[in-house]
């Protein structure tokens, strides 16, 4: 049972599953000091797909408590907005389109929900992939998993393509059930895109291996599933063969992350470039903090580098 006592100090909440294990609990106090937030963070844990009234109780409390300023939401983004749509006074464009909320903030007396992943996933991708990479390499992008994080990244790429930006010529999205694939395709049809998306049903890890084997050299493979963090395992088998000179990106930054281990066994033989979810973590949290506290936090440059170093130092101390 969560404690909803009125906050005695400016408070930002983290609504997740195992919030106490997250690096943010060590990072946030140091960021707060650097940014002069005069604020604390508090975690609220719910089982995945919790009862609607539990989400409603939490959101109502944040809305009505003066010193509770907002929250970042992870696993419960879809379920929370379904349960609390009438509690919010407004939803951002992406939140309305995706039917999810990852950021809760206040505008005066109004409570607003935003879906930040299309922004933060894009910022993270640009930090990983060199300039004009897709145009020069002609390689593919394979996103494993068709949930909210995958959809968010696809929307970022669609918007970038409309501005003539560098995007993959072919994007393959694979998922172990058809439901999310159909939902993603329906949203892609709403926003109208000429990008080449392929939606492939992969009920078993061996099926994902087959898709990976079909990719061009230099292609990127992303684990956008919860496997490795929210639940054990990997969407690939140990027999997978990654593309030569490929880029492997694990969205998760903590957990057992077998997907990362599989990539590392081929790092030298396949000349792979491997990234975990740490940069996603930095962008994800700083964008929501900027929204909650109404700050201008840059996405690059000396101030962003300082925030990244503060986070890395705090994470390193946790591992000692």
C-alpha atoms as a PDB file:
ATOM      1  CA  UNK A   1       0.000   0.000   0.000  1.00  0.00           C
ATOM      2  CA  UNK A   2       1.434   3.354  -1.007  1.00  0.00           C
ATOM      3  CA  UNK A   3       1.576   6.250   1.445  1.00  0.00           C
ATOM      4  CA  UNK A   4      -0.178   9.348   0.136  1.00  0.00           C
ATOM      5  CA  UNK A   5       0.603  11.719   2.990  1.00  0.00           C
ATOM      6  CA  UNK A   6       0.838  15.358   1.843  1.00  0.00           C
ATOM      7  CA  UNK A   7       4.336  16.264   0.698  1.00  0.00           C
ATOM      8  CA  UNK A   8       6.282  18.533   3.056  1.00  0.00           C
ATOM      9  CA  UNK A   9       8.757  19.505   0.319  1.00  0.00           C
ATOM     10  CA  UNK A  10       8.575  19.917  -3.451  1.00  0.00           C
ATOM     11  CA  UNK A  11       8.297  16.316  -4.671  1.00  0.00           C
ATOM     12  CA  UNK A  12       8.535  14.490  -7.965  1.00  0.00           C
ATOM     13  CA  UNK A  13       7.275  10.914  -8.107  1.00  0.00           C
ATOM     14  CA  UNK A  14       8.441   7.833  -9.979  1.00  0.00           C
ATOM     15  CA  UNK A  15       5.574   5.473 -10.808  1.00  0.00           C
ATOM     16  CA  UNK A  16       6.941   2.064 -11.750  1.00  0.00           C
ATOM     17  CA  UNK A  17       7.339  -1.540 -10.639  1.00  0.00           C
ATOM     18  CA  UNK A  18      10.618  -1.692  -8.705  1.00  0.00           C
ATOM     19  CA  UNK A  19      11.508   1.981  -8.370  1.00  0.00           C
ATOM     20  CA  UNK A  20      13.846   1.450  -5.436  1.00  0.00           C
ATOM     21  CA  UNK A  21      16.239  -0.474  -7.690  1.00  0.00           C
ATOM     22  CA  UNK A  22      16.510   2.350 -10.212  1.00  0.00           C
ATOM     23  CA  UNK A  23      19.638   4.479 -10.429  1.00  0.00           C
ATOM     24  CA  UNK A  24      17.438   7.568 -10.397  1.00  0.00           C
ATOM     25  CA  UNK A  25      17.051   7.256  -6.643  1.00  0.00           C
ATOM     26  CA  UNK A  26      20.765   8.012  -6.313  1.00  0.00           C
ATOM     27  CA  UNK A  27      20.991  10.324  -9.307  1.00  0.00           C
ATOM     28  CA  UNK A  28      18.031  12.617  -8.644  1.00  0.00           C
ATOM     29  CA  UNK A  29      19.317  14.141  -5.364  1.00  0.00           C
ATOM     30  CA  UNK A  30      22.581  15.056  -7.090  1.00  0.00           C
ATOM     31  CA  UNK A  31      20.783  16.482 -10.106  1.00  0.00           C
ATOM     32  CA  UNK A  32      18.445  18.392  -7.793  1.00  0.00           C
ATOM     33  CA  UNK A  33      21.413  19.969  -6.059  1.00  0.00           C
ATOM     34  CA  UNK A  34      23.093  20.918  -9.344  1.00  0.00           C
ATOM     35  CA  UNK A  35      19.866  22.296 -10.845  1.00  0.00           C
ATOM     36  CA  UNK A  36      18.860  23.959  -7.548  1.00  0.00           C
ATOM     37  CA  UNK A  37      15.455  22.268  -7.575  1.00  0.00           C
ATOM     38  CA  UNK A  38      14.991  22.158  -3.797  1.00  0.00           C
ATOM     39  CA  UNK A  39      13.062  18.941  -4.358  1.00  0.00           C
ATOM     40  CA  UNK A  40      13.017  15.238  -3.549  1.00  0.00           C
ATOM     41  CA  UNK A  41      11.908  12.115  -5.407  1.00  0.00           C
ATOM     42  CA  UNK A  42       9.607   9.363  -4.167  1.00  0.00           C
ATOM     43  CA  UNK A  43       8.782   6.040  -5.793  1.00  0.00           C
ATOM     44  CA  UNK A  44       5.374   4.427  -6.083  1.00  0.00           C
ATOM     45  CA  UNK A  45       5.385   0.749  -7.064  1.00  0.00           C
ATOM     46  CA  UNK A  46       2.466  -1.058  -8.691  1.00  0.00           C
ATOM     47  CA  UNK A  47       2.176  -4.501 -10.187  1.00  0.00           C
ATOM     48  CA  UNK A  48       1.883  -4.373 -14.002  1.00  0.00           C
ATOM     49  CA  UNK A  49      -1.745  -3.855 -15.090  1.00  0.00           C
ATOM     50  CA  UNK A  50      -2.824  -2.844 -11.598  1.00  0.00           C
ATOM     51  CA  UNK A  51      -6.446  -2.099 -10.772  1.00  0.00           C
ATOM     52  CA  UNK A  52      -7.643   1.214 -12.262  1.00  0.00           C
ATOM     53  CA  UNK A  53      -8.576   2.606  -8.859  1.00  0.00           C
ATOM     54  CA  UNK A  54      -4.954   2.300  -7.702  1.00  0.00           C
ATOM     55  CA  UNK A  55      -3.758   4.508 -10.562  1.00  0.00           C
ATOM     56  CA  UNK A  56      -6.637   6.909  -9.946  1.00  0.00           C
ATOM     57  CA  UNK A  57      -5.740   7.253  -6.273  1.00  0.00           C
ATOM     58  CA  UNK A  58      -2.121   8.105  -7.096  1.00  0.00           C
ATOM     59  CA  UNK A  59      -2.934  10.619  -9.838  1.00  0.00           C
ATOM     60  CA  UNK A  60      -5.673  12.291  -7.801  1.00  0.00           C
ATOM     61  CA  UNK A  61      -3.221  12.705  -4.947  1.00  0.00           C
ATOM     62  CA  UNK A  62      -0.581  14.312  -7.185  1.00  0.00           C
ATOM     63  CA  UNK A  63      -3.179  16.602  -8.719  1.00  0.00           C
ATOM     64  CA  UNK A  64      -4.542  17.847  -5.396  1.00  0.00           C
ATOM     65  CA  UNK A  65      -1.405  17.993  -3.251  1.00  0.00           C
ATOM     66  CA  UNK A  66       0.260  21.437  -3.591  1.00  0.00           C
ATOM     67  CA  UNK A  67       3.882  20.295  -3.187  1.00  0.00           C
ATOM     68  CA  UNK A  68       3.491  17.203  -5.378  1.00  0.00           C
ATOM     69  CA  UNK A  69       4.628  18.621  -8.718  1.00  0.00           C
ATOM     70  CA  UNK A  70       4.472  15.663 -11.080  1.00  0.00           C
ATOM     71  CA  UNK A  71       5.825  12.250 -11.961  1.00  0.00           C
ATOM     72  CA  UNK A  72       7.632  10.062 -14.433  1.00  0.00           C
ATOM     73  CA  UNK A  73       5.736   6.891 -15.382  1.00  0.00           C
ATOM     74  CA  UNK A  74       7.353   3.752 -16.768  1.00  0.00           C
ATOM     75  CA  UNK A  75       5.633   0.361 -17.081  1.00  0.00           C
ATOM     76  CA  UNK A  76       2.126   1.737 -16.430  1.00  0.00           C
ATOM     77  CA  UNK A  77       1.976   4.384 -19.202  1.00  0.00           C
ATOM     78  CA  UNK A  78      -0.977   2.837 -21.044  1.00  0.00           C
ATOM     79  CA  UNK A  79      -2.944   1.528 -18.077  1.00  0.00           C
ATOM     80  CA  UNK A  80      -2.571   4.768 -16.153  1.00  0.00           C
ATOM     81  CA  UNK A  81      -3.979   7.009 -18.853  1.00  0.00           C
ATOM     82  CA  UNK A  82      -6.874   4.618 -19.497  1.00  0.00           C
ATOM     83  CA  UNK A  83      -7.785   4.727 -15.816  1.00  0.00           C
ATOM     84  CA  UNK A  84      -7.152   8.446 -15.280  1.00  0.00           C
ATOM     85  CA  UNK A  85      -8.136  10.152 -18.533  1.00  0.00           C
ATOM     86  CA  UNK A  86     -10.858  12.181 -16.811  1.00  0.00           C
ATOM     87  CA  UNK A  87      -8.494  13.312 -14.053  1.00  0.00           C
ATOM     88  CA  UNK A  88      -6.128  15.022 -16.485  1.00  0.00           C
ATOM     89  CA  UNK A  89      -7.037  18.509 -17.640  1.00  0.00           C
ATOM     90  CA  UNK A  90      -5.039  18.071 -20.811  1.00  0.00           C
ATOM     91  CA  UNK A  91      -2.914  15.630 -22.793  1.00  0.00           C
ATOM     92  CA  UNK A  92      -0.054  16.490 -25.118  1.00  0.00           C
ATOM     93  CA  UNK A  93      -0.165  15.620 -28.826  1.00  0.00           C
ATOM     94  CA  UNK A  94       1.808  12.397 -28.494  1.00  0.00           C
ATOM     95  CA  UNK A  95      -0.100  11.340 -25.366  1.00  0.00           C
ATOM     96  CA  UNK A  96      -3.392  11.683 -27.241  1.00  0.00           C
ATOM     97  CA  UNK A  97      -2.065   9.829 -30.291  1.00  0.00           C
ATOM     98  CA  UNK A  98      -0.420   6.989 -28.371  1.00  0.00           C
ATOM     99  CA  UNK A  99      -2.894   6.730 -25.519  1.00  0.00           C
ATOM    100  CA  UNK A 100      -0.102   6.750 -22.958  1.00  0.00           C
ATOM    101  CA  UNK A 101       1.435   9.089 -20.404  1.00  0.00           C
ATOM    102  CA  UNK A 102       5.063   8.984 -19.263  1.00  0.00           C
ATOM    103  CA  UNK A 103       5.162  12.504 -17.767  1.00  0.00           C
ATOM    104  CA  UNK A 104       2.709  14.050 -15.315  1.00  0.00           C
ATOM    105  CA  UNK A 105       3.086  17.771 -14.645  1.00  0.00           C
ATOM    106  CA  UNK A 106       1.120  20.817 -13.585  1.00  0.00           C
ATOM    107  CA  UNK A 107       0.274  24.034 -15.377  1.00  0.00           C
ATOM    108  CA  UNK A 108      -1.125  26.212 -12.628  1.00  0.00           C
ATOM    109  CA  UNK A 109      -4.139  24.309 -11.337  1.00  0.00           C
ATOM    110  CA  UNK A 110      -4.254  21.999 -14.356  1.00  0.00           C
ATOM    111  CA  UNK A 111      -2.801  18.495 -14.493  1.00  0.00           C
ATOM    112  CA  UNK A 112      -1.243  17.526 -17.814  1.00  0.00           C
ATOM    113  CA  UNK A 113       0.010  14.242 -19.227  1.00  0.00           C
ATOM    114  CA  UNK A 114       2.654  13.923 -21.901  1.00  0.00           C
ATOM    115  CA  UNK A 115       4.204  11.013 -23.809  1.00  0.00           C
ATOM    116  CA  UNK A 116       7.887  11.903 -23.919  1.00  0.00           C
ATOM    117  CA  UNK A 117       9.325   8.785 -25.541  1.00  0.00           C
ATOM    118  CA  UNK A 118       9.042  10.002 -29.163  1.00  0.00           C
ATOM    119  CA  UNK A 119      11.327  12.854 -28.115  1.00  0.00           C
ATOM    120  CA  UNK A 120      13.691  11.029 -25.776  1.00  0.00           C
ATOM    121  CA  UNK A 121      14.106   7.938 -27.972  1.00  0.00           C
ATOM    122  CA  UNK A 122      14.974  10.196 -30.894  1.00  0.00           C
ATOM    123  CA  UNK A 123      17.525  12.160 -28.868  1.00  0.00           C
ATOM    124  CA  UNK A 124      19.071   8.881 -27.752  1.00  0.00           C
ATOM    125  CA  UNK A 125      19.194   7.487 -31.286  1.00  0.00           C
ATOM    126  CA  UNK A 126      20.926  10.614 -32.570  1.00  0.00           C
ATOM    127  CA  UNK A 127      23.518  10.294 -29.807  1.00  0.00           C
ATOM    128  CA  UNK A 128      24.282   6.731 -30.926  1.00  0.00           C
ATOM    129  CA  UNK A 129      24.147   6.878 -34.735  1.00  0.00           C
ATOM    130  CA  UNK A 130      26.702   9.015 -36.618  1.00  0.00           C
ATOM    131  CA  UNK A 131      25.504  11.853 -38.816  1.00  0.00           C
ATOM    132  CA  UNK A 132      24.052  10.688 -42.171  1.00  0.00           C
ATOM    133  CA  UNK A 133      24.564   7.074 -41.088  1.00  0.00           C
ATOM    134  CA  UNK A 134      21.516   5.591 -42.816  1.00  0.00           C
ATOM    135  CA  UNK A 135      22.148   7.409 -46.072  1.00  0.00           C
ATOM    136  CA  UNK A 136      25.788   6.342 -46.194  1.00  0.00           C
ATOM    137  CA  UNK A 137      25.327   2.743 -45.015  1.00  0.00           C
ATOM    138  CA  UNK A 138      22.015   1.849 -46.672  1.00  0.00           C
ATOM    139  CA  UNK A 139      21.443  -0.471 -43.725  1.00  0.00           C
ATOM    140  CA  UNK A 140      18.242  -1.628 -42.014  1.00  0.00           C
ATOM    141  CA  UNK A 141      16.720  -1.047 -38.605  1.00  0.00           C
ATOM    142  CA  UNK A 142      15.200  -3.993 -36.743  1.00  0.00           C
ATOM    143  CA  UNK A 143      13.139  -3.115 -33.667  1.00  0.00           C
ATOM    144  CA  UNK A 144      12.261  -6.162 -31.586  1.00  0.00           C
ATOM    145  CA  UNK A 145       9.036  -5.508 -29.719  1.00  0.00           C
ATOM    146  CA  UNK A 146       6.051  -3.432 -30.814  1.00  0.00           C
ATOM    147  CA  UNK A 147       5.135  -1.801 -27.527  1.00  0.00           C
ATOM    148  CA  UNK A 148       5.170   1.847 -26.551  1.00  0.00           C
ATOM    149  CA  UNK A 149       8.932   2.377 -26.777  1.00  0.00           C
ATOM    150  CA  UNK A 150       9.068   0.937 -30.304  1.00  0.00           C
ATOM    151  CA  UNK A 151       6.095   2.965 -31.443  1.00  0.00           C
ATOM    152  CA  UNK A 152       7.636   6.114 -29.984  1.00  0.00           C
ATOM    153  CA  UNK A 153      10.888   5.620 -31.884  1.00  0.00           C
ATOM    154  CA  UNK A 154       8.994   4.902 -35.107  1.00  0.00           C
ATOM    155  CA  UNK A 155       7.045   8.165 -34.741  1.00  0.00           C
ATOM    156  CA  UNK A 156      10.255  10.085 -34.221  1.00  0.00           C
ATOM    157  CA  UNK A 157      11.661   8.616 -37.438  1.00  0.00           C
ATOM    158  CA  UNK A 158       8.439   9.326 -39.349  1.00  0.00           C
ATOM    159  CA  UNK A 159       8.514  12.972 -38.286  1.00  0.00           C
ATOM    160  CA  UNK A 160      12.195  13.203 -39.159  1.00  0.00           C
ATOM    161  CA  UNK A 161      11.557  11.757 -42.627  1.00  0.00           C
ATOM    162  CA  UNK A 162       8.919  14.430 -43.292  1.00  0.00           C
ATOM    163  CA  UNK A 163      11.611  17.057 -42.786  1.00  0.00           C
ATOM    164  CA  UNK A 164      13.948  15.250 -45.188  1.00  0.00           C
ATOM    165  CA  UNK A 165      16.106  13.884 -42.375  1.00  0.00           C
ATOM    166  CA  UNK A 166      18.343  10.824 -42.502  1.00  0.00           C
ATOM    167  CA  UNK A 167      16.278   7.704 -41.723  1.00  0.00           C
ATOM    168  CA  UNK A 168      16.584   3.972 -42.485  1.00  0.00           C
ATOM    169  CA  UNK A 169      15.313   2.859 -45.872  1.00  0.00           C
ATOM    170  CA  UNK A 170      13.798  -0.255 -44.275  1.00  0.00           C
ATOM    171  CA  UNK A 171      12.455  -0.671 -40.753  1.00  0.00           C
ATOM    172  CA  UNK A 172      11.422  -4.111 -39.537  1.00  0.00           C
ATOM    173  CA  UNK A 173       9.297  -4.359 -36.385  1.00  0.00           C
ATOM    174  CA  UNK A 174       8.876  -7.844 -34.965  1.00  0.00           C
ATOM    175  CA  UNK A 175       6.677  -8.931 -32.081  1.00  0.00           C
ATOM    176  CA  UNK A 176       5.577 -12.191 -30.514  1.00  0.00           C
ATOM    177  CA  UNK A 177       1.857 -11.363 -30.855  1.00  0.00           C
ATOM    178  CA  UNK A 178      -0.139  -9.633 -33.570  1.00  0.00           C
ATOM    179  CA  UNK A 179      -2.074  -7.220 -31.342  1.00  0.00           C
ATOM    180  CA  UNK A 180       0.682  -4.629 -30.900  1.00  0.00           C
ATOM    181  CA  UNK A 181       1.788  -4.978 -34.521  1.00  0.00           C
ATOM    182  CA  UNK A 182      -1.728  -4.149 -35.693  1.00  0.00           C
ATOM    183  CA  UNK A 183      -1.968  -1.239 -33.253  1.00  0.00           C
ATOM    184  CA  UNK A 184       1.337   0.167 -34.494  1.00  0.00           C
ATOM    185  CA  UNK A 185       0.347  -0.188 -38.140  1.00  0.00           C
ATOM    186  CA  UNK A 186      -2.967   1.570 -37.441  1.00  0.00           C
ATOM    187  CA  UNK A 187      -1.183   4.536 -35.865  1.00  0.00           C
ATOM    188  CA  UNK A 188       1.310   4.682 -38.723  1.00  0.00           C
ATOM    189  CA  UNK A 189      -1.652   4.843 -41.105  1.00  0.00           C
ATOM    190  CA  UNK A 190      -3.095   7.752 -39.110  1.00  0.00           C
ATOM    191  CA  UNK A 191       0.040   9.869 -39.376  1.00  0.00           C
ATOM    192  CA  UNK A 192       0.598   9.023 -43.062  1.00  0.00           C
ATOM    193  CA  UNK A 193       4.105   7.991 -43.968  1.00  0.00           C
ATOM    194  CA  UNK A 194       5.909   6.762 -47.057  1.00  0.00           C
ATOM    195  CA  UNK A 195       8.559   5.037 -44.953  1.00  0.00           C
ATOM    196  CA  UNK A 196       9.075   1.329 -45.541  1.00  0.00           C
ATOM    197  CA  UNK A 197       7.840  -0.506 -42.436  1.00  0.00           C
ATOM    198  CA  UNK A 198       7.575  -4.289 -42.246  1.00  0.00           C
ATOM    199  CA  UNK A 199       5.557  -5.831 -39.415  1.00  0.00           C
ATOM    200  CA  UNK A 200       6.602  -9.410 -38.701  1.00  0.00           C
ATOM    201  CA  UNK A 201       5.044 -11.856 -36.253  1.00  0.00           C
ATOM    202  CA  UNK A 202       7.774 -13.669 -34.294  1.00  0.00           C
ATOM    203  CA  UNK A 203       6.171 -15.856 -31.609  1.00  0.00           C
ATOM    204  CA  UNK A 204       9.502 -17.544 -30.800  1.00  0.00           C
ATOM    205  CA  UNK A 205      13.019 -16.211 -30.319  1.00  0.00           C
ATOM    206  CA  UNK A 206      14.152 -18.352 -33.260  1.00  0.00           C
ATOM    207  CA  UNK A 207      11.893 -16.276 -35.501  1.00  0.00           C
ATOM    208  CA  UNK A 208      13.704 -13.103 -34.446  1.00  0.00           C
ATOM    209  CA  UNK A 209      17.012 -14.818 -35.215  1.00  0.00           C
ATOM    210  CA  UNK A 210      15.764 -15.317 -38.768  1.00  0.00           C
ATOM    211  CA  UNK A 211      14.893 -11.641 -39.125  1.00  0.00           C
ATOM    212  CA  UNK A 212      18.307 -10.580 -37.791  1.00  0.00           C
ATOM    213  CA  UNK A 213      19.992 -12.895 -40.283  1.00  0.00           C
ATOM    214  CA  UNK A 214      18.197 -11.113 -43.148  1.00  0.00           C
ATOM    215  CA  UNK A 215      19.574  -7.671 -42.272  1.00  0.00           C
ATOM    216  CA  UNK A 216      22.152  -5.846 -44.358  1.00  0.00           C
ATOM    217  CA  UNK A 217      25.658  -5.230 -42.997  1.00  0.00           C
ATOM    218  CA  UNK A 218      25.748  -2.218 -40.698  1.00  0.00           C
ATOM    219  CA  UNK A 219      22.142  -2.622 -39.608  1.00  0.00           C
ATOM    220  CA  UNK A 220      20.898  -1.771 -36.120  1.00  0.00           C
ATOM    221  CA  UNK A 221      19.127  -4.293 -33.890  1.00  0.00           C
ATOM    222  CA  UNK A 222      17.167  -2.967 -30.898  1.00  0.00           C
ATOM    223  CA  UNK A 223      15.752  -4.854 -27.950  1.00  0.00           C
ATOM    224  CA  UNK A 224      12.653  -2.808 -27.176  1.00  0.00           C
ATOM    225  CA  UNK A 225      10.977  -5.601 -25.234  1.00  0.00           C
ATOM    226  CA  UNK A 226      10.857  -5.875 -21.461  1.00  0.00           C
ATOM    227  CA  UNK A 227      12.934  -9.048 -21.610  1.00  0.00           C
ATOM    228  CA  UNK A 228      16.054  -8.612 -19.526  1.00  0.00           C
ATOM    229  CA  UNK A 229      14.504  -6.098 -17.106  1.00  0.00           C
ATOM    230  CA  UNK A 230      10.778  -6.569 -16.463  1.00  0.00           C
ATOM    231  CA  UNK A 231      11.004 -10.313 -17.103  1.00  0.00           C
ATOM    232  CA  UNK A 232      13.910 -12.717 -17.650  1.00  0.00           C
ATOM    233  CA  UNK A 233      15.308 -13.755 -21.016  1.00  0.00           C
ATOM    234  CA  UNK A 234      16.112 -12.335 -24.423  1.00  0.00           C
ATOM    235  CA  UNK A 235      14.087 -11.994 -27.631  1.00  0.00           C
ATOM    236  CA  UNK A 236      16.933 -13.820 -29.419  1.00  0.00           C
ATOM    237  CA  UNK A 237      18.540 -17.231 -28.999  1.00  0.00           C
ATOM    238  CA  UNK A 238      22.244 -17.814 -28.460  1.00  0.00           C
ATOM    239  CA  UNK A 239      22.438 -18.957 -32.095  1.00  0.00           C
ATOM    240  CA  UNK A 240      21.636 -15.508 -33.473  1.00  0.00           C
ATOM    241  CA  UNK A 241      24.095 -14.048 -35.990  1.00  0.00           C
ATOM    242  CA  UNK A 242      24.301 -10.271 -35.812  1.00  0.00           C
ATOM    243  CA  UNK A 243      25.010  -8.241 -38.987  1.00  0.00           C
ATOM    244  CA  UNK A 244      28.613  -7.418 -39.831  1.00  0.00           C
ATOM    245  CA  UNK A 245      29.566  -3.926 -38.545  1.00  0.00           C
ATOM    246  CA  UNK A 246      26.128  -3.714 -36.968  1.00  0.00           C
ATOM    247  CA  UNK A 247      24.861  -1.571 -34.126  1.00  0.00           C
ATOM    248  CA  UNK A 248      23.173  -3.285 -31.187  1.00  0.00           C
ATOM    249  CA  UNK A 249      21.059  -1.224 -28.806  1.00  0.00           C
ATOM    250  CA  UNK A 250      19.550  -2.585 -25.609  1.00  0.00           C
ATOM    251  CA  UNK A 251      16.863  -0.168 -24.378  1.00  0.00           C
ATOM    252  CA  UNK A 252      17.235  -1.469 -20.813  1.00  0.00           C
ATOM    253  CA  UNK A 253      20.028  -0.066 -18.662  1.00  0.00           C
ATOM    254  CA  UNK A 254      19.609  -2.489 -15.746  1.00  0.00           C
ATOM    255  CA  UNK A 255      18.629  -6.099 -15.168  1.00  0.00           C
ATOM    256  CA  UNK A 256      20.186  -9.322 -16.440  1.00  0.00           C
ATOM    257  CA  UNK A 257      20.146  -8.136 -20.098  1.00  0.00           C
ATOM    258  CA  UNK A 258      20.984 -11.419 -21.820  1.00  0.00           C
ATOM    259  CA  UNK A 259      20.478  -9.634 -25.147  1.00  0.00           C
ATOM    260  CA  UNK A 260      23.576  -7.526 -24.377  1.00  0.00           C
ATOM    261  CA  UNK A 261      25.561 -10.613 -23.427  1.00  0.00           C
ATOM    262  CA  UNK A 262      24.630 -12.254 -26.727  1.00  0.00           C
ATOM    263  CA  UNK A 263      25.873  -9.226 -28.642  1.00  0.00           C
ATOM    264  CA  UNK A 264      29.113  -9.042 -26.680  1.00  0.00           C
ATOM    265  CA  UNK A 265      30.039 -12.600 -27.655  1.00  0.00           C
ATOM    266  CA  UNK A 266      30.124 -11.366 -31.279  1.00  0.00           C
ATOM    267  CA  UNK A 267      31.452  -7.864 -30.621  1.00  0.00           C
ATOM    268  CA  UNK A 268      34.882  -8.543 -32.100  1.00  0.00           C
ATOM    269  CA  UNK A 269      34.075 -11.148 -34.731  1.00  0.00           C
ATOM    270  CA  UNK A 270      31.243  -9.065 -36.195  1.00  0.00           C
ATOM    271  CA  UNK A 271      32.774  -5.640 -35.390  1.00  0.00           C
ATOM    272  CA  UNK A 272      29.642  -4.637 -33.489  1.00  0.00           C
ATOM    273  CA  UNK A 273      28.985  -1.301 -31.810  1.00  0.00           C
ATOM    274  CA  UNK A 274      27.006  -1.970 -28.639  1.00  0.00           C
ATOM    275  CA  UNK A 275      24.945   0.411 -26.512  1.00  0.00           C
ATOM    276  CA  UNK A 276      22.734  -0.120 -23.501  1.00  0.00           C
ATOM    277  CA  UNK A 277      19.888   2.101 -22.304  1.00  0.00           C
ATOM    278  CA  UNK A 278      21.934   4.535 -20.237  1.00  0.00           C
ATOM    279  CA  UNK A 279      21.747   7.459 -22.671  1.00  0.00           C
ATOM    280  CA  UNK A 280      17.991   6.778 -22.956  1.00  0.00           C
ATOM    281  CA  UNK A 281      17.830   6.941 -19.166  1.00  0.00           C
ATOM    282  CA  UNK A 282      19.547  10.349 -19.135  1.00  0.00           C
ATOM    283  CA  UNK A 283      17.375  11.879 -21.857  1.00  0.00           C
ATOM    284  CA  UNK A 284      14.209  10.282 -20.497  1.00  0.00           C
ATOM    285  CA  UNK A 285      14.611  11.681 -17.021  1.00  0.00           C
ATOM    286  CA  UNK A 286      15.976  15.100 -17.935  1.00  0.00           C
ATOM    287  CA  UNK A 287      13.094  15.755 -20.373  1.00  0.00           C
ATOM    288  CA  UNK A 288      10.496  14.885 -17.727  1.00  0.00           C
ATOM    289  CA  UNK A 289      12.314  16.876 -15.024  1.00  0.00           C
ATOM    290  CA  UNK A 290      12.342  19.845 -17.397  1.00  0.00           C
ATOM    291  CA  UNK A 291       8.570  19.451 -17.861  1.00  0.00           C
ATOM    292  CA  UNK A 292       7.738  18.951 -14.182  1.00  0.00           C
ATOM    293  CA  UNK A 293       9.882  21.838 -12.886  1.00  0.00           C
ATOM    294  CA  UNK A 294       9.393  24.086 -15.935  1.00  0.00           C
ATOM    295  CA  UNK A 295      13.117  24.266 -16.651  1.00  0.00           C
ATOM    296  CA  UNK A 296      15.143  24.705 -19.806  1.00  0.00           C
ATOM    297  CA  UNK A 297      17.492  21.721 -19.694  1.00  0.00           C
ATOM    298  CA  UNK A 298      19.602  21.466 -22.877  1.00  0.00           C
ATOM    299  CA  UNK A 299      19.861  18.149 -24.738  1.00  0.00           C
ATOM    300  CA  UNK A 300      23.553  18.628 -25.542  1.00  0.00           C
ATOM    301  CA  UNK A 301      26.454  20.859 -24.585  1.00  0.00           C
ATOM    302  CA  UNK A 302      28.320  21.495 -21.340  1.00  0.00           C
ATOM    303  CA  UNK A 303      25.306  21.505 -19.013  1.00  0.00           C
ATOM    304  CA  UNK A 304      23.954  18.251 -20.432  1.00  0.00           C
ATOM    305  CA  UNK A 305      27.449  16.716 -20.231  1.00  0.00           C
ATOM    306  CA  UNK A 306      27.633  17.755 -16.575  1.00  0.00           C
ATOM    307  CA  UNK A 307      24.279  16.101 -15.845  1.00  0.00           C
ATOM    308  CA  UNK A 308      25.481  12.943 -17.605  1.00  0.00           C
ATOM    309  CA  UNK A 309      28.681  12.893 -15.554  1.00  0.00           C
ATOM    310  CA  UNK A 310      26.789  13.408 -12.308  1.00  0.00           C
ATOM    311  CA  UNK A 311      24.546  10.452 -13.206  1.00  0.00           C
ATOM    312  CA  UNK A 312      27.457   8.224 -14.229  1.00  0.00           C
ATOM    313  CA  UNK A 313      29.356   9.017 -11.033  1.00  0.00           C
ATOM    314  CA  UNK A 314      26.297   8.204  -8.926  1.00  0.00           C
ATOM    315  CA  UNK A 315      25.758   4.953 -10.823  1.00  0.00           C
ATOM    316  CA  UNK A 316      29.418   3.991 -10.332  1.00  0.00           C
ATOM    317  CA  UNK A 317      29.129   4.505  -6.565  1.00  0.00           C
ATOM    318  CA  UNK A 318      26.082   2.212  -6.535  1.00  0.00           C
ATOM    319  CA  UNK A 319      28.159  -0.574  -8.113  1.00  0.00           C
ATOM    320  CA  UNK A 320      31.058  -0.306  -5.639  1.00  0.00           C
END
